[in-house]
C-alpha cells in the first residue's frame, strides 16, 4: 500500500454490518433503480448511443432481494436546498451542477421529462463546510459525464482547498454525502493524480451510493495501487462502511469501467457493504500486481472490487459479480488486509464467470490471505 501519511490513517475499528439480514422494517430492492441516461467513454459508447439517450443496463441486480437497513436507504429530497434547472434541458448546465455541488445541501434536478446527459467542463467538488448532509439526486433521469477528460465528483476532507473543518480531517463524521438515482459516465482521472476514482473520489467523512449506475469510467491503466474506475475511497469515519445499494458498475458489454486495479470500486482501509448490486464487464488493466513484479508497471488486480488496507470488512448481499477481467489477481475480488484482521461476508450473492488472474487460496475468483475469514451463505461462487 502506497499512500502519504498526512492523507491517510490506518483504521483500527472493524465493522461487520449485518446488512444482509431480513430485519423487520427493512426495505427490499429488486430491479428498481434509475432509468437515468448513461453513456460513453472508454468502453466504446458514443454520444449518439442509447446510453446517452437514457438506455443502458438498469441500476442494481435484478435478482437481489436483500433487505436494506435504514442507514443505507435513499435520502429524503422532498425539501431540496438547490434545484438545478427550470424545467428545460438547456437550463441544466455544467456550471449549474458545479455551483450546486459547491454549495452543498440537498440537490435535485428539474431538466424536463426526458433523460439528460450533462457533460461537466470541470470536476464538481464538495466543500467540507456545506453539510453536514449533502445529497445529489438525479431523479432517475440525469447522467453526469466527465466527457472522457476529467473526474466527475470529488470529496476530500484533508484537502485544504475544500476547507478543513476539524483538526482530525482523517477521521471526521462529515460531510455525509449521498449520491442517488444518478448515472456516472466517461469520468476519467487518468494522469490527474496517482489515486484513481474515475467517476467519484471520496476521502473522509461518509459516502453512500444508491440506485446509481457507472458506465465507461476510467483511471490510470497501470500502477500497483491506483484503482477504482467507478469509486475510489479512503478514510470513512470511524471505519464505518461505505454503502453501495441497488447500483450497477458496467452491467453489459460496452459499458464496463477500467483502471489499473478495481475496475468497479477500490479503496484503502475502507469497509464496504454492497447490497443488491451488479458488477460486470469491468477490467483491471495493470500487470505485475502489488508490489509490482520486476519489469512491470504493477496492478491488474480486482476486476470488480479492490480492497487493501487494515481491519476492514467487505459485505456482499444480493449482489452479482460476473464477467469481470484481470491480468494479475482477483478476477472478481482482491481483498488484502495487511494486518490479517479483515474479513469477507457473502450472502445470497453470485460470483461467476470472471476471467483471469491467480492466487485463489479459498474460493475461485477471490484473492485473499489464506487466513482471511470468508463467511458464505446461500451463494454461488464458481
Protein backbone atom coordinates (compact mmCIF):
# COMPACT_ATOMS: atom_id res chain seq x y z
CA UNK A 1 0.00 0.00 0.00
CA UNK A 2 1.46 3.33 -1.05
CA UNK A 3 -0.12 6.41 0.50
CA UNK A 4 1.30 9.55 2.10
CA UNK A 5 0.88 9.58 5.86
CA UNK A 6 -0.62 13.05 6.02
CA UNK A 7 -3.57 11.92 3.90
CA UNK A 8 -4.23 8.51 5.36
CA UNK A 9 -4.95 6.74 8.61
CA UNK A 10 -4.88 3.00 9.11
CA UNK A 11 -8.25 2.45 10.68
CA UNK A 12 -8.34 0.25 13.71
CA UNK A 13 -12.03 -0.43 14.08
CA UNK A 14 -13.50 -3.45 12.34
CA UNK A 15 -17.13 -3.05 11.41
CA UNK A 16 -19.18 -6.01 10.38
CA UNK A 17 -22.58 -4.74 9.37
CA UNK A 18 -25.48 -7.16 9.35
CA UNK A 19 -26.97 -5.51 6.31
CA UNK A 20 -27.92 -8.81 4.79
CA UNK A 21 -30.41 -9.76 7.46
CA UNK A 22 -34.05 -9.57 6.57
CA UNK A 23 -34.71 -7.43 9.61
CA UNK A 24 -38.24 -6.31 10.28
CA UNK A 25 -38.90 -2.97 8.67
CA UNK A 26 -36.10 -3.40 6.17
CA UNK A 27 -36.64 -2.15 2.66
CA UNK A 28 -36.17 -4.62 -0.17
CA UNK A 29 -34.99 -3.59 -3.60
CA UNK A 30 -35.16 -5.67 -6.72
CA UNK A 31 -34.70 -4.43 -10.25
CA UNK A 32 -35.73 -0.95 -9.16
CA UNK A 33 -33.26 1.74 -9.82
CA UNK A 34 -32.60 4.57 -12.13
CA UNK A 35 -33.74 4.99 -15.65
CA UNK A 36 -31.10 7.64 -15.92
CA UNK A 37 -29.27 8.38 -19.07
CA UNK A 38 -26.00 6.61 -19.33
CA UNK A 39 -23.13 6.64 -21.54
CA UNK A 40 -20.00 7.00 -23.35
CA UNK A 41 -16.31 6.93 -22.83
CA UNK A 42 -13.53 4.43 -22.72
CA UNK A 43 -15.84 1.45 -23.21
CA UNK A 44 -16.77 2.47 -26.70
CA UNK A 45 -20.07 4.30 -26.27
CA UNK A 46 -20.68 7.40 -28.38
CA UNK A 47 -22.83 10.50 -27.80
CA UNK A 48 -25.44 9.05 -30.17
CA UNK A 49 -25.67 5.72 -28.37
CA UNK A 50 -28.71 4.55 -26.40
CA UNK A 51 -26.69 5.09 -23.22
CA UNK A 52 -26.63 8.84 -23.81
CA UNK A 53 -30.33 8.79 -24.53
CA UNK A 54 -31.41 7.08 -21.33
CA UNK A 55 -30.58 3.47 -22.21
CA UNK A 56 -28.09 1.05 -20.77
CA UNK A 57 -28.34 -1.60 -18.07
CA UNK A 58 -30.68 -0.86 -15.19
CA UNK A 59 -29.44 0.03 -11.73
CA UNK A 60 -28.96 -2.95 -9.46
CA UNK A 61 -29.04 -6.73 -9.54
CA UNK A 62 -32.47 -7.83 -10.78
CA UNK A 63 -32.22 -10.93 -8.61
CA UNK A 64 -31.13 -9.09 -5.47
CA UNK A 65 -33.68 -9.26 -2.67
CA UNK A 66 -31.78 -8.37 0.48
CA UNK A 67 -33.34 -6.01 2.98
CA UNK A 68 -31.79 -2.57 3.04
CA UNK A 69 -31.16 -1.15 6.52
CA UNK A 70 -32.39 2.35 7.25
CA UNK A 71 -28.95 3.95 7.13
CA UNK A 72 -28.35 2.57 3.61
CA UNK A 73 -31.59 3.78 2.03
CA UNK A 74 -32.06 6.73 -0.28
CA UNK A 75 -32.14 10.13 1.41
CA UNK A 76 -35.26 12.30 1.63
CA UNK A 77 -35.13 15.03 -1.03
CA UNK A 78 -38.61 16.46 -0.59
CA UNK A 79 -37.22 19.81 0.58
CA UNK A 80 -34.20 20.49 -1.61
CA UNK A 81 -31.69 23.23 -0.91
CA UNK A 82 -31.00 23.69 -4.61
CA UNK A 83 -32.91 22.65 -7.72
CA UNK A 84 -30.75 22.59 -10.83
CA UNK A 85 -32.72 23.70 -13.89
CA UNK A 86 -36.02 25.47 -14.58
CA UNK A 87 -37.75 22.60 -16.33
CA UNK A 88 -35.79 22.78 -19.57
CA UNK A 89 -32.75 20.78 -20.69
CA UNK A 90 -30.92 24.00 -21.60
CA UNK A 91 -31.03 25.18 -18.00
CA UNK A 92 -29.16 22.13 -16.72
CA UNK A 93 -25.58 23.15 -17.40
CA UNK A 94 -22.15 22.12 -16.21
CA UNK A 95 -21.78 25.44 -14.41
CA UNK A 96 -25.07 24.92 -12.59
CA UNK A 97 -24.02 21.46 -11.41
CA UNK A 98 -20.59 22.60 -10.23
CA UNK A 99 -22.06 25.57 -8.36
CA UNK A 100 -24.78 23.48 -6.72
CA UNK A 101 -22.32 20.83 -5.54
CA UNK A 102 -20.03 23.53 -4.16
CA UNK A 103 -22.99 24.97 -2.26
CA UNK A 104 -23.90 21.66 -0.65
CA UNK A 105 -27.16 20.68 0.98
CA UNK A 106 -29.84 18.66 -0.84
CA UNK A 107 -29.55 18.97 -4.62
CA UNK A 108 -32.18 17.84 -7.15
CA UNK A 109 -32.76 18.46 -10.85
CA UNK A 110 -35.59 19.88 -12.98
CA UNK A 111 -34.39 19.42 -16.55
CA UNK A 112 -37.64 18.37 -18.17
CA UNK A 113 -39.37 15.00 -18.51
CA UNK A 114 -36.72 13.24 -20.59
CA UNK A 115 -33.34 11.72 -19.72
CA UNK A 116 -30.48 14.19 -19.98
CA UNK A 117 -26.69 13.92 -20.04
CA UNK A 118 -24.79 16.85 -18.55
CA UNK A 119 -21.13 16.88 -19.57
CA UNK A 120 -19.07 18.64 -16.92
CA UNK A 121 -16.48 21.16 -18.02
CA UNK A 122 -14.79 20.88 -14.64
CA UNK A 123 -14.93 18.42 -11.75
CA UNK A 124 -17.74 19.05 -9.27
CA UNK A 125 -16.16 19.41 -5.82
CA UNK A 126 -17.65 19.07 -2.37
CA UNK A 127 -16.78 21.80 0.13
CA UNK A 128 -16.48 20.29 3.59
CA UNK A 129 -18.28 23.11 5.41
CA UNK A 130 -21.51 22.93 3.38
CA UNK A 131 -23.06 19.88 5.04
CA UNK A 132 -23.08 18.00 7.20
CA UNK A 133 -25.62 16.19 4.99
CA UNK A 134 -25.10 16.54 1.24
CA UNK A 135 -27.38 14.74 -1.22
CA UNK A 136 -27.23 14.71 -5.02
CA UNK A 137 -30.35 13.11 -6.53
CA UNK A 138 -30.74 12.72 -10.30
CA UNK A 139 -34.35 11.59 -10.09
CA UNK A 140 -33.65 8.66 -12.42
CA UNK A 141 -33.22 10.98 -15.41
CA UNK A 142 -29.83 12.63 -15.02
CA UNK A 143 -26.44 11.43 -16.22
CA UNK A 144 -23.27 13.27 -15.25
CA UNK A 145 -20.45 12.81 -17.74
CA UNK A 146 -16.76 13.60 -17.44
CA UNK A 147 -16.52 13.68 -21.21
CA UNK A 148 -13.61 11.23 -21.05
CA UNK A 149 -11.45 14.11 -19.81
CA UNK A 150 -11.98 14.56 -16.08
CA UNK A 151 -13.18 13.07 -12.83
CA UNK A 152 -16.86 13.81 -12.17
CA UNK A 153 -17.17 14.20 -8.38
CA UNK A 154 -14.53 14.90 -5.71
CA UNK A 155 -14.70 14.95 -1.91
CA UNK A 156 -11.64 15.18 0.35
CA UNK A 157 -11.78 16.24 3.99
CA UNK A 158 -7.99 16.63 4.07
CA UNK A 159 -7.80 18.90 1.03
CA UNK A 160 -7.23 22.39 2.42
CA UNK A 161 -8.65 23.91 -0.76
CA UNK A 162 -12.01 22.30 0.10
CA UNK A 163 -11.90 23.75 3.65
CA UNK A 164 -10.61 21.97 6.72
CA UNK A 165 -13.41 21.74 9.27
CA UNK A 166 -11.83 19.76 12.13
CA UNK A 167 -8.30 19.14 13.43
CA UNK A 168 -8.83 15.45 12.56
CA UNK A 169 -9.52 15.57 8.84
CA UNK A 170 -8.53 11.91 8.57
CA UNK A 171 -11.43 10.83 10.79
CA UNK A 172 -14.39 13.18 10.89
CA UNK A 173 -18.08 12.42 10.58
CA UNK A 174 -18.84 14.95 7.81
CA UNK A 175 -19.60 15.65 5.07
CA UNK A 176 -22.03 12.76 4.77
CA UNK A 177 -22.51 12.53 1.02
CA UNK A 178 -25.29 10.55 -0.67
CA UNK A 179 -25.48 10.17 -4.44
CA UNK A 180 -28.67 8.56 -5.67
CA UNK A 181 -30.72 7.95 -8.81
CA UNK A 182 -27.79 9.11 -10.96
CA UNK A 183 -25.67 7.71 -13.76
CA UNK A 184 -21.95 8.48 -13.99
CA UNK A 185 -20.28 8.07 -17.37
CA UNK A 186 -16.96 8.84 -19.00
CA UNK A 187 -15.32 10.03 -15.79
CA UNK A 188 -11.57 9.83 -16.27
CA UNK A 189 -8.87 10.64 -13.71
CA UNK A 190 -6.02 9.32 -15.87
CA UNK A 191 -2.87 11.39 -15.27
CA UNK A 192 -4.81 13.66 -12.90
CA UNK A 193 -3.18 12.14 -9.83
CA UNK A 194 -1.99 8.75 -8.62
CA UNK A 195 -5.15 7.88 -6.70
CA UNK A 196 -7.87 6.72 -9.08
CA UNK A 197 -11.57 7.37 -8.83
CA UNK A 198 -12.57 8.00 -12.42
CA UNK A 199 -16.17 8.90 -11.54
CA UNK A 200 -16.02 9.54 -7.77
CA UNK A 201 -13.13 10.16 -5.38
CA UNK A 202 -14.16 10.21 -1.71
CA UNK A 203 -11.73 10.66 1.17
CA UNK A 204 -13.02 11.19 4.69
CA UNK A 205 -16.50 11.74 6.05
CA UNK A 206 -19.04 9.24 4.72
CA UNK A 207 -20.22 8.24 1.24
CA UNK A 208 -23.38 6.35 0.27
CA UNK A 209 -24.40 5.35 -3.27
CA UNK A 210 -28.00 4.31 -4.01
CA UNK A 211 -29.80 3.40 -7.26
CA UNK A 212 -26.95 4.60 -9.43
CA UNK A 213 -25.04 3.42 -12.48
CA UNK A 214 -21.41 3.67 -13.55
CA UNK A 215 -20.56 3.22 -17.23
CA UNK A 216 -17.30 3.66 -19.13
CA UNK A 217 -15.36 5.38 -16.38
CA UNK A 218 -11.57 5.12 -16.27
CA UNK A 219 -8.45 5.87 -14.28
CA UNK A 220 -4.74 5.20 -14.81
CA UNK A 221 -4.29 1.86 -16.60
CA UNK A 222 -1.16 0.82 -14.71
CA UNK A 223 0.23 1.15 -11.21
CA UNK A 224 0.42 -1.16 -8.19
CA UNK A 225 -2.14 0.63 -6.02
CA UNK A 226 -4.13 3.09 -8.15
CA UNK A 227 -7.71 1.96 -8.62
CA UNK A 228 -11.44 2.47 -8.74
CA UNK A 229 -12.69 3.48 -12.17
CA UNK A 230 -16.12 3.92 -10.61
CA UNK A 231 -15.32 4.84 -6.99
CA UNK A 232 -12.08 5.28 -5.05
CA UNK A 233 -12.47 5.69 -1.29
CA UNK A 234 -10.32 6.38 1.77
CA UNK A 235 -10.84 7.11 5.47
CA UNK A 236 -14.54 6.63 6.12
CA UNK A 237 -15.45 7.95 9.56
CA UNK A 238 -14.62 5.55 12.42
CA UNK A 239 -14.22 2.72 9.92
CA UNK A 240 -17.96 2.65 9.26
CA UNK A 241 -18.88 1.01 5.97
CA UNK A 242 -19.41 2.73 2.66
CA UNK A 243 -22.82 1.56 1.39
CA UNK A 244 -23.49 0.75 -2.25
CA UNK A 245 -27.14 -0.18 -2.79
CA UNK A 246 -29.02 -1.29 -5.91
CA UNK A 247 -26.32 0.05 -8.21
CA UNK A 248 -24.62 -1.17 -11.39
CA UNK A 249 -20.99 -0.99 -12.45
CA UNK A 250 -20.81 -1.91 -16.13
CA UNK A 251 -23.64 -4.35 -16.47
CA UNK A 252 -23.25 -5.23 -20.16
CA UNK A 253 -20.64 -5.42 -22.87
CA UNK A 254 -19.52 -1.95 -23.90
CA UNK A 255 -20.48 -0.35 -20.59
CA UNK A 256 -17.68 -1.60 -18.34
CA UNK A 257 -15.28 0.54 -16.33
CA UNK A 258 -11.49 0.12 -16.43
CA UNK A 259 -8.48 1.03 -14.30
CA UNK A 260 -5.15 -0.43 -13.20
CA UNK A 261 -6.95 -2.13 -10.28
CA UNK A 262 -10.55 -2.27 -9.14
CA UNK A 263 -12.47 -1.88 -12.35
CA UNK A 264 -15.60 -1.05 -10.35
CA UNK A 265 -14.59 0.12 -6.88
CA UNK A 266 -11.33 0.42 -4.97
CA UNK A 267 -10.22 1.53 -1.53
CA UNK A 268 -7.53 1.54 1.12
CA UNK A 269 -8.59 0.98 4.71
CA UNK A 270 -12.33 1.14 3.94
CA UNK A 271 -15.12 -1.29 4.76
CA UNK A 272 -17.88 -1.75 2.17
CA UNK A 273 -21.43 -3.05 2.38
CA UNK A 274 -22.73 -3.78 -1.13
CA UNK A 275 -26.41 -4.68 -1.38
CA UNK A 276 -28.44 -5.85 -4.42
CA UNK A 277 -25.86 -4.55 -6.87
CA UNK A 278 -24.30 -5.72 -10.15
CA UNK A 279 -20.67 -5.68 -11.31
CA UNK A 280 -19.90 -6.97 -14.79
CA UNK A 281 -17.61 -6.28 -17.76
CA UNK A 282 -15.18 -4.23 -15.66
CA UNK A 283 -11.42 -4.64 -16.10
CA UNK A 284 -8.24 -4.30 -14.07
CA UNK A 285 -5.78 -3.33 -16.78
CA UNK A 286 -2.41 -3.27 -15.00
CA UNK A 287 0.05 -6.11 -14.74
CA UNK A 288 2.60 -7.22 -12.20
CA UNK A 289 0.44 -6.95 -9.07
CA UNK A 290 1.29 -5.11 -5.85
CA UNK A 291 4.14 -4.78 -5.10
CA UNK A 292 4.91 -4.73 -8.79
CA UNK A 293 6.96 -7.58 -10.12
CA UNK A 294 10.33 -6.62 -11.55
CA UNK A 295 10.00 -5.16 -15.02
CA UNK A 296 6.26 -4.48 -14.74
CA UNK A 297 4.28 -1.30 -14.04
CA UNK A 298 2.16 -3.05 -11.41
CA UNK A 299 -1.55 -3.55 -10.91
CA UNK A 300 -4.04 -5.72 -12.70
CA UNK A 301 -5.99 -6.93 -9.64
CA UNK A 302 -9.63 -6.77 -8.60
CA UNK A 303 -11.76 -6.94 -11.73
CA UNK A 304 -14.81 -5.68 -9.86
CA UNK A 305 -13.60 -4.86 -6.33
CA UNK A 306 -10.16 -3.97 -4.95
CA UNK A 307 -9.78 -3.68 -1.15
CA UNK A 308 -6.43 -3.00 0.51
CA UNK A 309 -5.55 -1.79 3.98
CA UNK A 310 -6.12 -2.99 7.54
CA UNK A 311 -9.04 -4.05 9.73
CA UNK A 312 -11.77 -3.85 7.12
CA UNK A 313 -14.82 -5.84 6.08
CA UNK A 314 -16.35 -6.47 2.68
CA UNK A 315 -20.02 -7.46 2.94
CA UNK A 316 -21.97 -8.54 -0.14
CA UNK A 317 -25.67 -9.31 -0.06
CA UNK A 318 -27.89 -9.92 -3.07
CA UNK A 319 -25.03 -8.93 -5.35
CA UNK A 320 -23.90 -10.44 -8.65
CA UNK A 321 -20.28 -10.25 -9.88
CA UNK A 322 -19.66 -11.74 -13.30
CA UNK A 323 -17.60 -11.36 -16.49
CA UNK A 324 -15.03 -9.02 -15.00
CA UNK A 325 -11.42 -9.48 -16.03
CA UNK A 326 -7.90 -9.09 -14.61
CA UNK A 327 -4.28 -9.64 -15.55
CA UNK A 328 -2.92 -10.33 -12.05
CA UNK A 329 -5.15 -11.38 -9.12
CA UNK A 330 -8.77 -11.46 -8.05
CA UNK A 331 -10.85 -11.60 -11.21
CA UNK A 332 -13.88 -10.73 -9.07
CA UNK A 333 -12.45 -9.52 -5.74
CA UNK A 334 -8.99 -8.61 -4.48
CA UNK A 335 -9.01 -8.33 -0.66
CA UNK A 336 -5.76 -7.90 1.26
CA UNK A 337 -5.81 -6.92 4.92
CA UNK A 338 -2.22 -6.07 5.75
CA UNK A 339 -2.59 -6.93 9.45
CA UNK A 340 -4.65 -10.06 8.62
CA UNK A 341 -7.61 -8.72 10.62
CA UNK A 342 -10.14 -8.19 7.84
CA UNK A 343 -12.99 -10.46 6.77
CA UNK A 344 -15.44 -11.04 3.94
CA UNK A 345 -19.16 -11.80 4.24
CA UNK A 346 -21.06 -13.09 1.19
CA UNK A 347 -24.80 -13.73 1.44
CA UNK A 348 -27.32 -14.55 -1.30
CA UNK A 349 -24.87 -13.49 -3.97
CA UNK A 350 -23.43 -14.91 -7.18
CA UNK A 351 -19.79 -14.72 -8.28
CA UNK A 352 -19.30 -16.42 -11.61
CA UNK A 353 -17.56 -16.29 -14.96
CA UNK A 354 -14.89 -13.76 -14.05
CA UNK A 355 -11.73 -14.12 -16.09
CA UNK A 356 -8.01 -14.28 -15.48
CA UNK A 357 -5.74 -13.94 -12.52
CA UNK A 358 -4.24 -16.28 -9.95
CA UNK A 359 -3.76 -16.67 -6.17
CA UNK A 360 -7.13 -18.09 -5.15
CA UNK A 361 -6.48 -19.85 -1.81
CA UNK A 362 -10.08 -20.18 -0.62
CA UNK A 363 -12.58 -19.57 -3.41
CA UNK A 364 -12.18 -19.12 -7.16
CA UNK A 365 -12.11 -15.50 -8.38
CA UNK A 366 -11.36 -14.11 -4.89
CA UNK A 367 -7.76 -13.28 -3.93
CA UNK A 368 -7.08 -13.01 -0.21
CA UNK A 369 -4.72 -14.17 2.52
CA UNK A 370 -5.42 -17.79 3.33
CA UNK A 371 -6.28 -16.84 6.93
CA UNK A 372 -8.89 -14.25 5.91
CA UNK A 373 -12.28 -15.38 7.26
CA UNK A 374 -14.85 -15.67 4.46
CA UNK A 375 -18.42 -16.41 5.56
CA UNK A 376 -20.58 -17.60 2.65
CA UNK A 377 -24.31 -18.31 2.90
CA UNK A 378 -26.86 -19.14 0.19
CA UNK A 379 -24.44 -18.03 -2.51
CA UNK A 380 -22.81 -19.37 -5.66
CA UNK A 381 -19.08 -18.95 -6.26
CA UNK A 382 -17.90 -20.80 -9.34
